Amino acid sequence: MEKKSNLIINFYKSQDINLLANVYSLVKKTIDINEKLLILVNNNNTKTLSEYIWSKESETFWAHGINDDDGQEFSKIWISDDNTKNQISAKYICCLDGILPKKISCFKKAFKFYVDGNETQTLIAREFWKLCSEKNYNCNHFYQDYSGKWHPNEFN
């Protein structure tokens, strides 16, 4: 049997109403463990996500930027719509809106969120799951119930 890769990829089937809150929670956890997080998101959503991170909690200040902004050397969080760049040399990556990194193997941990009921995002997630499983990455799948709680389950 072929040895599993060290790369961990967690797939999260999220409720649409909780998506920004879920990403924000991931941002907090990443900062708490002193890691950097690259967030890949569709260009139409980069500013919305950035504003959410800035304004969610008034007592927090998490330096972050978008695409080719200045400040990459000081930031733990970076939001990008370019799947070929890792502006802050992050080891953690969060993928939203069906955007996937050109090269996943340079990361230690990946978080692939997709919205329950969105057929396009589900299809992209399913194809990515298949690709990652074939490469022997450690893949896990979770779904979110309507109360916001996460449950491990099989990708179906």
Protein backbone atom coordinates (compact mmCIF):
# COMPACT_ATOMS: atom_id res chain seq x y z
CA MET A 1 0.00 0.00 0.00
CA GLU A 2 1.27 3.44 -0.95
CA LYS A 3 2.18 5.73 1.95
CA LYS A 4 -0.17 8.64 2.68
CA SER A 5 1.15 12.14 2.08
CA ASN A 6 1.62 14.51 5.04
CA LEU A 7 -0.69 17.03 3.36
CA ILE A 8 -4.09 17.21 5.07
CA ILE A 9 -7.06 18.46 3.06
CA ASN A 10 -10.30 19.10 4.89
CA PHE A 11 -13.43 19.55 2.82
CA TYR A 12 -16.23 21.54 4.45
CA LYS A 13 -19.80 21.49 3.14
CA SER A 14 -20.97 24.77 4.62
CA GLN A 15 -24.34 26.42 4.99
CA ASP A 16 -24.26 29.57 2.85
CA ILE A 17 -25.42 31.81 5.69
CA ASN A 18 -22.41 30.78 7.81
CA LEU A 19 -19.63 30.91 5.20
CA LEU A 20 -17.97 34.19 6.24
CA ALA A 21 -18.22 33.26 9.91
CA ASN A 22 -16.65 29.87 9.14
CA VAL A 23 -13.72 31.47 7.31
CA TYR A 24 -13.32 34.00 10.12
CA SER A 25 -13.13 31.15 12.64
CA LEU A 26 -10.41 29.55 10.53
CA VAL A 27 -8.51 32.86 10.42
CA LYS A 28 -8.63 33.10 14.24
CA LYS A 29 -7.46 29.51 14.71
CA THR A 30 -4.62 29.96 12.24
CA ILE A 31 -3.38 33.09 13.99
CA ASP A 32 -3.69 31.36 17.37
CA ILE A 33 -1.24 28.65 16.27
CA ASN A 34 1.11 31.23 14.70
CA GLU A 35 0.66 30.04 11.12
CA LYS A 36 -0.01 31.97 7.93
CA LEU A 37 -3.17 31.48 5.88
CA LEU A 38 -3.68 32.16 2.19
CA ILE A 39 -7.35 32.51 1.25
CA LEU A 40 -8.21 31.95 -2.40
CA VAL A 41 -11.48 33.58 -3.35
CA ASN A 42 -13.24 34.90 -6.44
CA ASN A 43 -12.28 38.50 -7.27
CA ASN A 44 -15.85 39.66 -6.62
CA ASN A 45 -15.55 38.55 -2.98
CA THR A 46 -12.04 39.70 -1.98
CA LYS A 47 -13.14 43.05 -0.57
CA THR A 48 -16.19 41.61 1.19
CA LEU A 49 -14.02 39.04 2.96
CA SER A 50 -11.37 41.65 3.83
CA GLU A 51 -13.98 43.99 5.31
CA TYR A 52 -15.48 41.12 7.31
CA ILE A 53 -12.07 40.26 8.80
CA TRP A 54 -11.45 43.94 9.69
CA SER A 55 -14.84 44.60 11.21
CA LYS A 56 -15.99 41.33 12.82
CA GLU A 57 -14.43 42.08 16.21
CA SER A 58 -13.59 45.65 17.11
CA GLU A 59 -10.78 44.65 19.51
CA THR A 60 -8.82 42.63 16.92
CA PHE A 61 -6.38 43.89 14.35
CA TRP A 62 -5.13 41.23 11.98
CA ALA A 63 -2.84 42.56 9.32
CA HIS A 64 -3.87 41.18 5.97
CA GLY A 65 -3.99 42.26 2.36
CA ILE A 66 -5.46 41.51 -1.02
CA ASN A 67 -3.61 40.29 -4.12
CA ASP A 68 -0.56 42.49 -4.71
CA ASP A 69 -1.09 44.94 -1.84
CA ASP A 70 1.86 46.09 0.22
CA GLY A 71 2.51 44.57 3.65
CA GLN A 72 3.02 40.95 2.67
CA GLU A 73 6.05 40.67 4.94
CA PHE A 74 3.98 41.62 8.01
CA SER A 75 0.80 39.66 7.34
CA LYS A 76 -0.37 36.31 8.64
CA ILE A 77 -3.48 36.38 6.43
CA TRP A 78 -3.65 37.04 2.70
CA ILE A 79 -6.65 37.12 0.39
CA SER A 80 -6.05 36.42 -3.28
CA ASP A 81 -7.90 35.63 -6.47
CA ASP A 82 -4.69 34.41 -8.14
CA ASN A 83 -4.30 30.65 -7.76
CA THR A 84 -0.65 30.76 -8.90
CA LYS A 85 0.65 32.98 -6.08
CA ASN A 86 1.35 32.50 -2.40
CA GLN A 87 2.23 36.07 -1.48
CA ILE A 88 3.05 35.34 2.19
CA SER A 89 4.56 31.85 1.82
CA ALA A 90 1.67 30.41 3.83
CA LYS A 91 1.61 26.73 4.77
CA TYR A 92 -2.17 26.80 5.24
CA ILE A 93 -4.64 27.53 2.45
CA CYS A 94 -8.38 28.12 2.41
CA CYS A 95 -10.18 27.69 -0.93
CA LEU A 96 -13.52 29.39 -1.58
CA ASP A 97 -15.79 30.03 -4.57
CA GLY A 98 -14.43 27.03 -6.47
CA ILE A 99 -10.94 28.58 -6.68
CA LEU A 100 -8.21 25.95 -6.27
CA PRO A 101 -4.44 26.43 -6.02
CA LYS A 102 -2.36 25.64 -9.07
CA LYS A 103 -0.02 23.63 -6.82
CA ILE A 104 -1.39 22.15 -3.60
CA SER A 105 1.65 20.11 -2.55
CA CYS A 106 3.54 23.15 -1.20
CA PHE A 107 1.00 23.48 1.63
CA LYS A 108 0.83 21.65 4.94
CA LYS A 109 -2.94 21.90 5.35
CA ALA A 110 -5.78 22.89 3.03
CA PHE A 111 -9.36 23.83 3.80
CA LYS A 112 -11.83 23.53 0.91
CA PHE A 113 -15.17 25.15 1.66
CA TYR A 114 -18.15 24.70 -0.60
CA VAL A 115 -21.75 25.73 -0.14
CA ASP A 116 -24.43 23.11 0.43
CA GLY A 117 -26.86 23.23 -2.49
CA ASN A 118 -24.50 24.98 -4.92
CA GLU A 119 -24.15 22.44 -7.72
CA THR A 120 -21.13 24.09 -9.37
CA GLN A 121 -19.16 24.32 -6.11
CA THR A 122 -20.12 20.74 -5.23
CA LEU A 123 -18.92 19.47 -8.61
CA ILE A 124 -15.59 21.32 -8.23
CA ALA A 125 -15.18 19.98 -4.67
CA ARG A 126 -15.98 16.43 -5.83
CA GLU A 127 -13.38 16.63 -8.64
CA PHE A 128 -10.80 18.09 -6.24
CA TRP A 129 -11.56 15.30 -3.74
CA LYS A 130 -10.98 12.70 -6.45
CA LEU A 131 -7.69 14.31 -7.52
CA CYS A 132 -6.43 14.62 -3.93
CA SER A 133 -7.44 11.06 -3.08
CA GLU A 134 -5.59 9.76 -6.14
CA LYS A 135 -2.47 11.63 -4.99
CA ASN A 136 -2.82 9.91 -1.60
CA TYR A 137 -3.37 13.11 0.38
CA ASN A 138 -5.09 12.79 3.75
CA CYS A 139 -8.63 13.88 2.86
CA ASN A 140 -11.40 14.47 5.39
CA HIS A 141 -14.95 15.63 4.84
CA PHE A 142 -17.27 17.52 7.18
CA TYR A 143 -20.76 18.91 6.79
CA GLN A 144 -22.38 21.70 8.73
CA ASP A 145 -25.87 21.29 10.13
CA TYR A 146 -28.34 24.18 10.33
CA SER A 147 -27.28 24.99 13.90
CA GLY A 148 -23.72 25.58 12.65
CA LYS A 149 -22.18 22.43 14.14
CA TRP A 150 -19.68 20.42 12.08
CA HIS A 151 -19.92 16.64 11.62
CA PRO A 152 -17.43 14.27 9.97
CA ASN A 153 -18.90 12.22 7.15
CA GLU A 154 -18.11 10.58 3.83
CA PHE A 155 -18.05 12.72 0.70
CA ASN A 156 -21.17 11.83 -1.25
